[in-house]
Structures are given as structure tokens and as C-alpha cells.
Amino acid sequence: MEPVPDVQRWRTRYYARLADPIHHIILILLGLPVILWQGSRNVFLSALLAVLLGAGYFTLQTVTLYLGNESLVAPETAAWLMPILFGALGLTLYTHMRT
């Protein structure tokens, strides 16, 4: 990676690829509690909220990767900030989920 003129972009891409498998787990941790939040009263509203939460996750992930590509944020931080924040939110929602 060192002889390439745009090292920051390659480092950001490298760390983002390492974080890719975690996205699916995070979306499950976010989606299940949100969909089961109201039970069977309003499943469509809960599903829409889960989709919006997932879209927000990927939008913010794209923004942080852009900041990493532009050298405004460290590549490691750019790739792992949103998975850590939304992962913590997902774990919190999952542990407080009604059973």
C-alpha cells in the first residue's frame, strides 16, 4: 500500500472490508427488537422503523468512510465507528427486548 499515492483511501477500504461481516449481525441486533417492540399491534410500522434504522446505519457508515477517504478521520476510526456505535445500540435493544 505504501508506494500508491492515495494510501489513505486504500487503508480505509482495507479496514472497511474487515468490518463488512459484522454488518449483518448488527442489523439483526437492531431489527429484531424494533420489529418485536409493539408485538402484533402494528407490524408494518415496526418493520418500517427497522428499515429506516438500517438505512440510517448504512448512510452514516458511508459518511464516515468518506471522511476516512478524505483524510479527515483515521482509517481505522472511519471503518469501525458506526459498527461499534450501532452494535452497542443493538446489544442494548436486544438485552431490553420483551420475551
PDB file of N, CA and C in Angstrom:
ATOM      1  N   MET A   1       0.811  -1.193   0.000  1.00  0.00           N
ATOM      2  CA  MET A   1       0.000   0.000   0.000  1.00  0.00           C
ATOM      3  C   MET A   1       0.856   1.259   0.000  1.00  0.00           C
ATOM      4  N   GLU A   2       2.076   1.177   0.458  1.00  0.00           N
ATOM      5  CA  GLU A   2       2.894   2.379   0.610  1.00  0.00           C
ATOM      6  C   GLU A   2       3.255   3.085  -0.694  1.00  0.00           C
ATOM      7  N   PRO A   3       3.618   2.383  -1.794  1.00  0.00           N
ATOM      8  CA  PRO A   3       4.002   3.128  -2.995  1.00  0.00           C
ATOM      9  C   PRO A   3       2.835   3.799  -3.721  1.00  0.00           C
ATOM     10  N   VAL A   4       1.619   3.512  -3.357  1.00  0.00           N
ATOM     11  CA  VAL A   4       0.451   4.102  -4.008  1.00  0.00           C
ATOM     12  C   VAL A   4       0.300   5.545  -3.516  1.00  0.00           C
ATOM     13  N   PRO A   5      -0.003   6.501  -4.400  1.00  0.00           N
ATOM     14  CA  PRO A   5      -0.104   7.889  -3.967  1.00  0.00           C
ATOM     15  C   PRO A   5      -1.278   8.169  -3.020  1.00  0.00           C
ATOM     16  N   ASP A   6      -2.334   7.383  -3.099  1.00  0.00           N
ATOM     17  CA  ASP A   6      -3.504   7.617  -2.259  1.00  0.00           C
ATOM     18  C   ASP A   6      -3.614   6.530  -1.191  1.00  0.00           C
ATOM     19  N   VAL A   7      -2.693   6.543  -0.254  1.00  0.00           N
ATOM     20  CA  VAL A   7      -2.612   5.485   0.760  1.00  0.00           C
ATOM     21  C   VAL A   7      -3.816   5.523   1.695  1.00  0.00           C
ATOM     22  N   GLN A   8      -4.288   6.706   2.032  1.00  0.00           N
ATOM     23  CA  GLN A   8      -5.394   6.829   2.980  1.00  0.00           C
ATOM     24  C   GLN A   8      -6.648   6.123   2.462  1.00  0.00           C
ATOM     25  N   ARG A   9      -6.934   6.268   1.194  1.00  0.00           N
ATOM     26  CA  ARG A   9      -8.114   5.622   0.607  1.00  0.00           C
ATOM     27  C   ARG A   9      -7.984   4.097   0.657  1.00  0.00           C
ATOM     28  N   TRP A  10      -6.806   3.573   0.373  1.00  0.00           N
ATOM     29  CA  TRP A  10      -6.598   2.120   0.407  1.00  0.00           C
ATOM     30  C   TRP A  10      -6.666   1.579   1.824  1.00  0.00           C
ATOM     31  N   ARG A  11      -6.138   2.330   2.777  1.00  0.00           N
ATOM     32  CA  ARG A  11      -6.209   1.879   4.174  1.00  0.00           C
ATOM     33  C   ARG A  11      -7.653   1.882   4.668  1.00  0.00           C
ATOM     34  N   THR A  12      -8.410   2.908   4.293  1.00  0.00           N
ATOM     35  CA  THR A  12      -9.826   2.962   4.676  1.00  0.00           C
ATOM     36  C   THR A  12     -10.589   1.801   4.065  1.00  0.00           C
ATOM     37  N   ARG A  13     -10.332   1.512   2.810  1.00  0.00           N
ATOM     38  CA  ARG A  13     -11.001   0.396   2.142  1.00  0.00           C
ATOM     39  C   ARG A  13     -10.627  -0.940   2.802  1.00  0.00           C
ATOM     40  N   TYR A  14      -9.365  -1.087   3.185  1.00  0.00           N
ATOM     41  CA  TYR A  14      -8.898  -2.321   3.821  1.00  0.00           C
ATOM     42  C   TYR A  14      -9.633  -2.556   5.145  1.00  0.00           C
ATOM     43  N   TYR A  15      -9.681  -1.538   5.996  1.00  0.00           N
ATOM     44  CA  TYR A  15     -10.345  -1.699   7.283  1.00  0.00           C
ATOM     45  C   TYR A  15     -11.855  -1.834   7.131  1.00  0.00           C
ATOM     46  N   ALA A  16     -12.415  -1.200   6.120  1.00  0.00           N
ATOM     47  CA  ALA A  16     -13.855  -1.352   5.882  1.00  0.00           C
ATOM     48  C   ALA A  16     -14.181  -2.777   5.451  1.00  0.00           C
ATOM     49  N   ARG A  17     -13.313  -3.380   4.686  1.00  0.00           N
ATOM     50  CA  ARG A  17     -13.546  -4.776   4.280  1.00  0.00           C
ATOM     51  C   ARG A  17     -13.459  -5.724   5.474  1.00  0.00           C
ATOM     52  N   LEU A  18     -12.611  -5.390   6.442  1.00  0.00           N
ATOM     53  CA  LEU A  18     -12.534  -6.218   7.646  1.00  0.00           C
ATOM     54  C   LEU A  18     -13.814  -6.111   8.482  1.00  0.00           C
ATOM     55  N   ALA A  19     -14.472  -4.955   8.421  1.00  0.00           N
ATOM     56  CA  ALA A  19     -15.688  -4.739   9.205  1.00  0.00           C
ATOM     57  C   ALA A  19     -16.937  -5.239   8.493  1.00  0.00           C
ATOM     58  N   ASP A  20     -16.852  -5.587   7.225  1.00  0.00           N
ATOM     59  CA  ASP A  20     -18.034  -5.981   6.450  1.00  0.00           C
ATOM     60  C   ASP A  20     -18.835  -7.149   7.036  1.00  0.00           C
ATOM     61  N   PRO A  21     -18.224  -8.228   7.505  1.00  0.00           N
ATOM     62  CA  PRO A  21     -19.046  -9.344   8.012  1.00  0.00           C
ATOM     63  C   PRO A  21     -19.875  -8.998   9.250  1.00  0.00           C
ATOM     64  N   ILE A  22     -19.512  -7.955   9.936  1.00  0.00           N
ATOM     65  CA  ILE A  22     -20.209  -7.603  11.173  1.00  0.00           C
ATOM     66  C   ILE A  22     -21.524  -6.872  10.896  1.00  0.00           C
ATOM     67  N   HIS A  23     -21.668  -6.285   9.715  1.00  0.00           N
ATOM     68  CA  HIS A  23     -22.874  -5.512   9.400  1.00  0.00           C
ATOM     69  C   HIS A  23     -24.143  -6.346   9.536  1.00  0.00           C
ATOM     70  N   HIS A  24     -24.106  -7.580   9.120  1.00  0.00           N
ATOM     71  CA  HIS A  24     -25.300  -8.428   9.161  1.00  0.00           C
ATOM     72  C   HIS A  24     -25.722  -8.721  10.601  1.00  0.00           C
ATOM     73  N   ILE A  25     -24.763  -8.966  11.461  1.00  0.00           N
ATOM     74  CA  ILE A  25     -25.080  -9.228  12.869  1.00  0.00           C
ATOM     75  C   ILE A  25     -25.683  -7.991  13.513  1.00  0.00           C
ATOM     76  N   ILE A  26     -25.119  -6.830  13.184  1.00  0.00           N
ATOM     77  CA  ILE A  26     -25.621  -5.581  13.749  1.00  0.00           C
ATOM     78  C   ILE A  26     -27.055  -5.316  13.290  1.00  0.00           C
ATOM     79  N   LEU A  27     -27.334  -5.579  12.014  1.00  0.00           N
ATOM     80  CA  LEU A  27     -28.692  -5.358  11.517  1.00  0.00           C
ATOM     81  C   LEU A  27     -29.703  -6.292  12.171  1.00  0.00           C
ATOM     82  N   ILE A  28     -29.298  -7.504  12.483  1.00  0.00           N
ATOM     83  CA  ILE A  28     -30.188  -8.420  13.201  1.00  0.00           C
ATOM     84  C   ILE A  28     -30.409  -7.929  14.623  1.00  0.00           C
ATOM     85  N   LEU A  29     -29.326  -7.478  15.284  1.00  0.00           N
ATOM     86  CA  LEU A  29     -29.458  -6.978  16.650  1.00  0.00           C
ATOM     87  C   LEU A  29     -30.321  -5.714  16.708  1.00  0.00           C
ATOM     88  N   LEU A  30     -30.314  -4.928  15.653  1.00  0.00           N
ATOM     89  CA  LEU A  30     -31.155  -3.730  15.606  1.00  0.00           C
ATOM     90  C   LEU A  30     -32.588  -4.048  15.187  1.00  0.00           C
ATOM     91  N   GLY A  31     -32.748  -4.934  14.225  1.00  0.00           N
ATOM     92  CA  GLY A  31     -34.058  -5.176  13.637  1.00  0.00           C
ATOM     93  C   GLY A  31     -35.011  -5.977  14.508  1.00  0.00           C
ATOM     94  N   LEU A  32     -34.527  -7.035  15.122  1.00  0.00           N
ATOM     95  CA  LEU A  32     -35.413  -7.885  15.923  1.00  0.00           C
ATOM     96  C   LEU A  32     -36.099  -7.137  17.059  1.00  0.00           C
ATOM     97  N   PRO A  33     -35.369  -6.413  17.891  1.00  0.00           N
ATOM     98  CA  PRO A  33     -36.071  -5.708  18.976  1.00  0.00           C
ATOM     99  C   PRO A  33     -37.033  -4.638  18.479  1.00  0.00           C
ATOM    100  N   VAL A  34     -36.683  -3.979  17.378  1.00  0.00           N
ATOM    101  CA  VAL A  34     -37.563  -2.930  16.860  1.00  0.00           C
ATOM    102  C   VAL A  34     -38.843  -3.530  16.294  1.00  0.00           C
ATOM    103  N   ILE A  35     -38.735  -4.620  15.572  1.00  0.00           N
ATOM    104  CA  ILE A  35     -39.931  -5.241  14.998  1.00  0.00           C
ATOM    105  C   ILE A  35     -40.809  -5.858  16.086  1.00  0.00           C
ATOM    106  N   LEU A  36     -40.203  -6.459  17.101  1.00  0.00           N
ATOM    107  CA  LEU A  36     -40.983  -7.089  18.171  1.00  0.00           C
ATOM    108  C   LEU A  36     -41.399  -6.113  19.263  1.00  0.00           C
ATOM    109  N   TRP A  37     -41.058  -4.846  19.118  1.00  0.00           N
ATOM    110  CA  TRP A  37     -41.312  -3.835  20.136  1.00  0.00           C
ATOM    111  C   TRP A  37     -42.798  -3.701  20.428  1.00  0.00           C
ATOM    112  N   GLN A  38     -43.628  -3.619  19.412  1.00  0.00           N
ATOM    113  CA  GLN A  38     -45.063  -3.450  19.620  1.00  0.00           C
ATOM    114  C   GLN A  38     -45.843  -4.754  19.498  1.00  0.00           C
ATOM    115  N   GLY A  39     -45.169  -5.842  19.358  1.00  0.00           N
ATOM    116  CA  GLY A  39     -45.854  -7.118  19.226  1.00  0.00           C
ATOM    117  C   GLY A  39     -46.565  -7.207  17.895  1.00  0.00           C
ATOM    118  N   SER A  40     -47.800  -7.673  17.906  1.00  0.00           N
ATOM    119  CA  SER A  40     -48.549  -7.815  16.661  1.00  0.00           C
ATOM    120  C   SER A  40     -49.503  -6.648  16.418  1.00  0.00           C
ATOM    121  N   ARG A  41     -49.397  -5.596  17.217  1.00  0.00           N
ATOM    122  CA  ARG A  41     -50.311  -4.461  17.048  1.00  0.00           C
ATOM    123  C   ARG A  41     -50.073  -3.713  15.751  1.00  0.00           C
ATOM    124  N   ASN A  42     -48.818  -3.405  15.441  1.00  0.00           N
ATOM    125  CA  ASN A  42     -48.530  -2.638  14.240  1.00  0.00           C
ATOM    126  C   ASN A  42     -47.200  -3.105  13.655  1.00  0.00           C
ATOM    127  N   VAL A  43     -47.237  -4.247  13.003  1.00  0.00           N
ATOM    128  CA  VAL A  43     -46.023  -4.863  12.474  1.00  0.00           C
ATOM    129  C   VAL A  43     -45.444  -4.036  11.337  1.00  0.00           C
ATOM    130  N   PHE A  44     -46.285  -3.439  10.516  1.00  0.00           N
ATOM    131  CA  PHE A  44     -45.800  -2.672   9.371  1.00  0.00           C
ATOM    132  C   PHE A  44     -45.049  -1.418   9.812  1.00  0.00           C
ATOM    133  N   LEU A  45     -45.543  -0.744  10.826  1.00  0.00           N
ATOM    134  CA  LEU A  45     -44.844   0.428  11.338  1.00  0.00           C
ATOM    135  C   LEU A  45     -43.511   0.034  11.966  1.00  0.00           C
ATOM    136  N   SER A  46     -43.499  -1.065  12.682  1.00  0.00           N
ATOM    137  CA  SER A  46     -42.259  -1.551  13.281  1.00  0.00           C
ATOM    138  C   SER A  46     -41.252  -1.969  12.213  1.00  0.00           C
ATOM    139  N   ALA A  47     -41.721  -2.620  11.165  1.00  0.00           N
ATOM    140  CA  ALA A  47     -40.827  -3.023  10.074  1.00  0.00           C
ATOM    141  C   ALA A  47     -40.280  -1.802   9.345  1.00  0.00           C
ATOM    142  N   LEU A  48     -41.122  -0.799   9.147  1.00  0.00           N
ATOM    143  CA  LEU A  48     -40.662   0.435   8.512  1.00  0.00           C
ATOM    144  C   LEU A  48     -39.608   1.130   9.371  1.00  0.00           C
ATOM    145  N   LEU A  49     -39.814   1.145  10.671  1.00  0.00           N
ATOM    146  CA  LEU A  49     -38.833   1.729  11.579  1.00  0.00           C
ATOM    147  C   LEU A  49     -37.511   0.958  11.537  1.00  0.00           C
ATOM    148  N   ALA A  50     -37.580  -0.366  11.444  1.00  0.00           N
ATOM    149  CA  ALA A  50     -36.370  -1.172  11.347  1.00  0.00           C
ATOM    150  C   ALA A  50     -35.626  -0.908  10.042  1.00  0.00           C
ATOM    151  N   VAL A  51     -36.366  -0.758   8.952  1.00  0.00           N
ATOM    152  CA  VAL A  51     -35.739  -0.451   7.658  1.00  0.00           C
ATOM    153  C   VAL A  51     -35.083   0.924   7.701  1.00  0.00           C
ATOM    154  N   LEU A  52     -35.759   1.902   8.296  1.00  0.00           N
ATOM    155  CA  LEU A  52     -35.182   3.242   8.410  1.00  0.00           C
ATOM    156  C   LEU A  52     -33.941   3.245   9.291  1.00  0.00           C
ATOM    157  N   LEU A  53     -33.949   2.459  10.335  1.00  0.00           N
ATOM    158  CA  LEU A  53     -32.776   2.348  11.200  1.00  0.00           C
ATOM    159  C   LEU A  53     -31.601   1.720  10.452  1.00  0.00           C
ATOM    160  N   GLY A  54     -31.876   0.691   9.657  1.00  0.00           N
ATOM    161  CA  GLY A  54     -30.831   0.080   8.838  1.00  0.00           C
ATOM    162  C   GLY A  54     -30.305   1.017   7.774  1.00  0.00           C
ATOM    163  N   ALA A  55     -31.210   1.787   7.156  1.00  0.00           N
ATOM    164  CA  ALA A  55     -30.782   2.765   6.152  1.00  0.00           C
ATOM    165  C   ALA A  55     -29.933   3.859   6.787  1.00  0.00           C
ATOM    166  N   GLY A  56     -30.309   4.279   7.985  1.00  0.00           N
ATOM    167  CA  GLY A  56     -29.502   5.268   8.704  1.00  0.00           C
ATOM    168  C   GLY A  56     -28.124   4.741   9.049  1.00  0.00           C
ATOM    169  N   TYR A  57     -28.068   3.467   9.396  1.00  0.00           N
ATOM    170  CA  TYR A  57     -26.786   2.845   9.702  1.00  0.00           C
ATOM    171  C   TYR A  57     -25.864   2.872   8.488  1.00  0.00           C
ATOM    172  N   PHE A  58     -26.376   2.446   7.345  1.00  0.00           N
ATOM    173  CA  PHE A  58     -25.525   2.412   6.152  1.00  0.00           C
ATOM    174  C   PHE A  58     -25.212   3.812   5.632  1.00  0.00           C
ATOM    175  N   THR A  59     -26.111   4.760   5.826  1.00  0.00           N
ATOM    176  CA  THR A  59     -25.830   6.141   5.424  1.00  0.00           C
ATOM    177  C   THR A  59     -24.706   6.727   6.266  1.00  0.00           C
ATOM    178  N   LEU A  60     -24.779   6.554   7.567  1.00  0.00           N
ATOM    179  CA  LEU A  60     -23.721   7.064   8.435  1.00  0.00           C
ATOM    180  C   LEU A  60     -22.406   6.326   8.216  1.00  0.00           C
ATOM    181  N   GLN A  61     -22.471   5.041   7.901  1.00  0.00           N
ATOM    182  CA  GLN A  61     -21.259   4.286   7.586  1.00  0.00           C
ATOM    183  C   GLN A  61     -20.602   4.847   6.326  1.00  0.00           C
ATOM    184  N   THR A  62     -21.406   5.183   5.330  1.00  0.00           N
ATOM    185  CA  THR A  62     -20.873   5.769   4.095  1.00  0.00           C
ATOM    186  C   THR A  62     -20.245   7.129   4.367  1.00  0.00           C
ATOM    187  N   VAL A  63     -20.871   7.926   5.220  1.00  0.00           N
ATOM    188  CA  VAL A  63     -20.315   9.244   5.557  1.00  0.00           C
ATOM    189  C   VAL A  63     -18.975   9.102   6.269  1.00  0.00           C
ATOM    190  N   THR A  64     -18.879   8.185   7.218  1.00  0.00           N
ATOM    191  CA  THR A  64     -17.601   8.024   7.921  1.00  0.00           C
ATOM    192  C   THR A  64     -16.523   7.461   6.996  1.00  0.00           C
ATOM    193  N   LEU A  65     -16.897   6.582   6.065  1.00  0.00           N
ATOM    194  CA  LEU A  65     -15.904   6.093   5.105  1.00  0.00           C
ATOM    195  C   LEU A  65     -15.433   7.215   4.180  1.00  0.00           C
ATOM    196  N   TYR A  66     -16.334   8.115   3.816  1.00  0.00           N
ATOM    197  CA  TYR A  66     -15.947   9.270   3.010  1.00  0.00           C
ATOM    198  C   TYR A  66     -14.967  10.148   3.787  1.00  0.00           C
ATOM    199  N   LEU A  67     -15.245  10.369   5.060  1.00  0.00           N
ATOM    200  CA  LEU A  67     -14.331  11.160   5.883  1.00  0.00           C
ATOM    201  C   LEU A  67     -12.974  10.485   6.012  1.00  0.00           C
ATOM    202  N   GLY A  68     -12.969   9.170   6.075  1.00  0.00           N
ATOM    203  CA  GLY A  68     -11.707   8.441   6.107  1.00  0.00           C
ATOM    204  C   GLY A  68     -10.958   8.535   4.793  1.00  0.00           C
ATOM    205  N   ASN A  69     -11.680   8.481   3.686  1.00  0.00           N
ATOM    206  CA  ASN A  69     -11.035   8.607   2.371  1.00  0.00           C
ATOM    207  C   ASN A  69     -10.430   9.988   2.161  1.00  0.00           C
ATOM    208  N   GLU A  70     -11.046  11.004   2.733  1.00  0.00           N
ATOM    209  CA  GLU A  70     -10.559  12.375   2.574  1.00  0.00           C
ATOM    210  C   GLU A  70      -9.531  12.762   3.634  1.00  0.00           C
ATOM    211  N   SER A  71      -9.085  11.813   4.438  1.00  0.00           N
ATOM    212  CA  SER A  71      -8.071  12.020   5.484  1.00  0.00           C
ATOM    213  C   SER A  71      -8.538  12.953   6.595  1.00  0.00           C
ATOM    214  N   LEU A  72      -9.836  13.052   6.801  1.00  0.00           N
ATOM    215  CA  LEU A  72     -10.355  13.854   7.899  1.00  0.00           C
ATOM    216  C   LEU A  72     -10.480  13.035   9.182  1.00  0.00           C
ATOM    217  N   VAL A  73     -10.540  11.733   9.032  1.00  0.00           N
ATOM    218  CA  VAL A  73     -10.641  10.800  10.145  1.00  0.00           C
ATOM    219  C   VAL A  73      -9.660   9.668   9.868  1.00  0.00           C
ATOM    220  N   ALA A  74      -9.107   9.082  10.908  1.00  0.00           N
ATOM    221  CA  ALA A  74      -8.208   7.940  10.731  1.00  0.00           C
ATOM    222  C   ALA A  74      -8.961   6.787  10.068  1.00  0.00           C
ATOM    223  N   PRO A  75      -8.297   6.018   9.209  1.00  0.00           N
ATOM    224  CA  PRO A  75      -8.989   4.928   8.503  1.00  0.00           C
ATOM    225  C   PRO A  75      -9.614   3.898   9.437  1.00  0.00           C
ATOM    226  N   GLU A  76      -8.928   3.587  10.525  1.00  0.00           N
ATOM    227  CA  GLU A  76      -9.475   2.617  11.478  1.00  0.00           C
ATOM    228  C   GLU A  76     -10.755   3.141  12.117  1.00  0.00           C
ATOM    229  N   THR A  77     -10.739   4.409  12.472  1.00  0.00           N
ATOM    230  CA  THR A  77     -11.917   5.031  13.074  1.00  0.00           C
ATOM    231  C   THR A  77     -13.060   5.102  12.076  1.00  0.00           C
ATOM    232  N   ALA A  78     -12.741   5.455  10.843  1.00  0.00           N
ATOM    233  CA  ALA A  78     -13.776   5.572   9.813  1.00  0.00           C
ATOM    234  C   ALA A  78     -14.465   4.240   9.560  1.00  0.00           C
ATOM    235  N   ALA A  79     -13.708   3.170   9.578  1.00  0.00           N
ATOM    236  CA  ALA A  79     -14.287   1.862   9.272  1.00  0.00           C
ATOM    237  C   ALA A  79     -15.037   1.259  10.455  1.00  0.00           C
ATOM    238  N   TRP A  80     -14.618   1.537  11.674  1.00  0.00           N
ATOM    239  CA  TRP A  80     -15.174   0.849  12.829  1.00  0.00           C
ATOM    240  C   TRP A  80     -16.085   1.696  13.702  1.00  0.00           C
ATOM    241  N   LEU A  81     -16.233   2.993  13.437  1.00  0.00           N
ATOM    242  CA  LEU A  81     -17.035   3.854  14.311  1.00  0.00           C
ATOM    243  C   LEU A  81     -18.513   3.464  14.311  1.00  0.00           C
ATOM    244  N   MET A  82     -19.108   3.362  13.148  1.00  0.00           N
ATOM    245  CA  MET A  82     -20.535   3.032  13.078  1.00  0.00           C
ATOM    246  C   MET A  82     -20.833   1.598  13.524  1.00  0.00           C
ATOM    247  N   PRO A  83     -20.019   0.596  13.146  1.00  0.00           N
ATOM    248  CA  PRO A  83     -20.313  -0.743  13.691  1.00  0.00           C
ATOM    249  C   PRO A  83     -20.238  -0.796  15.220  1.00  0.00           C
ATOM    250  N   ILE A  84     -19.319  -0.044  15.812  1.00  0.00           N
ATOM    251  CA  ILE A  84     -19.230  -0.053  17.273  1.00  0.00           C
ATOM    252  C   ILE A  84     -20.426   0.665  17.893  1.00  0.00           C
ATOM    253  N   LEU A  85     -20.779   1.844  17.376  1.00  0.00           N
ATOM    254  CA  LEU A  85     -21.899   2.598  17.947  1.00  0.00           C
ATOM    255  C   LEU A  85     -23.235   1.880  17.753  1.00  0.00           C
ATOM    256  N   PHE A  86     -23.503   1.450  16.537  1.00  0.00           N
ATOM    257  CA  PHE A  86     -24.772   0.768  16.285  1.00  0.00           C
ATOM    258  C   PHE A  86     -24.782  -0.639  16.881  1.00  0.00           C
ATOM    259  N   GLY A  87     -23.626  -1.262  16.997  1.00  0.00           N
ATOM    260  CA  GLY A  87     -23.549  -2.554  17.673  1.00  0.00           C
ATOM    261  C   GLY A  87     -23.903  -2.425  19.148  1.00  0.00           C
ATOM    262  N   ALA A  88     -23.409  -1.363  19.786  1.00  0.00           N
ATOM    263  CA  ALA A  88     -23.759  -1.118  21.187  1.00  0.00           C
ATOM    264  C   ALA A  88     -25.243  -0.823  21.331  1.00  0.00           C
ATOM    265  N   LEU A  89     -25.796  -0.034  20.398  1.00  0.00           N
ATOM    266  CA  LEU A  89     -27.233   0.238  20.416  1.00  0.00           C
ATOM    267  C   LEU A  89     -28.028  -1.049  20.210  1.00  0.00           C
ATOM    268  N   GLY A  90     -27.596  -1.881  19.273  1.00  0.00           N
ATOM    269  CA  GLY A  90     -28.280  -3.138  19.011  1.00  0.00           C
ATOM    270  C   GLY A  90     -28.238  -4.089  20.197  1.00  0.00           C
ATOM    271  N   LEU A  91     -27.078  -4.172  20.846  1.00  0.00           N
ATOM    272  CA  LEU A  91     -26.979  -5.027  22.036  1.00  0.00           C
ATOM    273  C   LEU A  91     -27.855  -4.512  23.168  1.00  0.00           C
ATOM    274  N   THR A  92     -27.907  -3.193  23.321  1.00  0.00           N
ATOM    275  CA  THR A  92     -28.765  -2.613  24.354  1.00  0.00           C
ATOM    276  C   THR A  92     -30.231  -2.905  24.070  1.00  0.00           C
ATOM    277  N   LEU A  93     -30.655  -2.704  22.828  1.00  0.00           N
ATOM    278  CA  LEU A  93     -32.045  -3.001  22.474  1.00  0.00           C
ATOM    279  C   LEU A  93     -32.357  -4.487  22.630  1.00  0.00           C
ATOM    280  N   TYR A  94     -31.393  -5.317  22.250  1.00  0.00           N
ATOM    281  CA  TYR A  94     -31.606  -6.767  22.320  1.00  0.00           C
ATOM    282  C   TYR A  94     -31.716  -7.248  23.761  1.00  0.00           C
ATOM    283  N   THR A  95     -30.906  -6.678  24.671  1.00  0.00           N
ATOM    284  CA  THR A  95     -30.974  -7.117  26.061  1.00  0.00           C
ATOM    285  C   THR A  95     -32.239  -6.623  26.764  1.00  0.00           C
ATOM    286  N   HIS A  96     -32.813  -5.510  26.283  1.00  0.00           N
ATOM    287  CA  HIS A  96     -34.032  -4.985  26.890  1.00  0.00           C
ATOM    288  C   HIS A  96     -35.296  -5.412  26.128  1.00  0.00           C
ATOM    289  N   MET A  97     -35.160  -6.352  25.213  1.00  0.00           N
ATOM    290  CA  MET A  97     -36.277  -6.816  24.415  1.00  0.00           C
ATOM    291  C   MET A  97     -37.226  -7.651  25.270  1.00  0.00           C
ATOM    292  N   ARG A  98     -38.523  -7.449  25.039  1.00  0.00           N
ATOM    293  CA  ARG A  98     -39.521  -8.251  25.750  1.00  0.00           C
ATOM    294  C   ARG A  98     -39.510  -9.668  25.179  1.00  0.00           C
ATOM    295  N   THR A  99     -39.654 -10.627  26.040  1.00  0.00           N
ATOM    296  CA  THR A  99     -39.690 -12.020  25.585  1.00  0.00           C
ATOM    297  C   THR A  99     -41.056 -12.629  25.805  1.00  0.00           C
TER     298      THR A  99
END
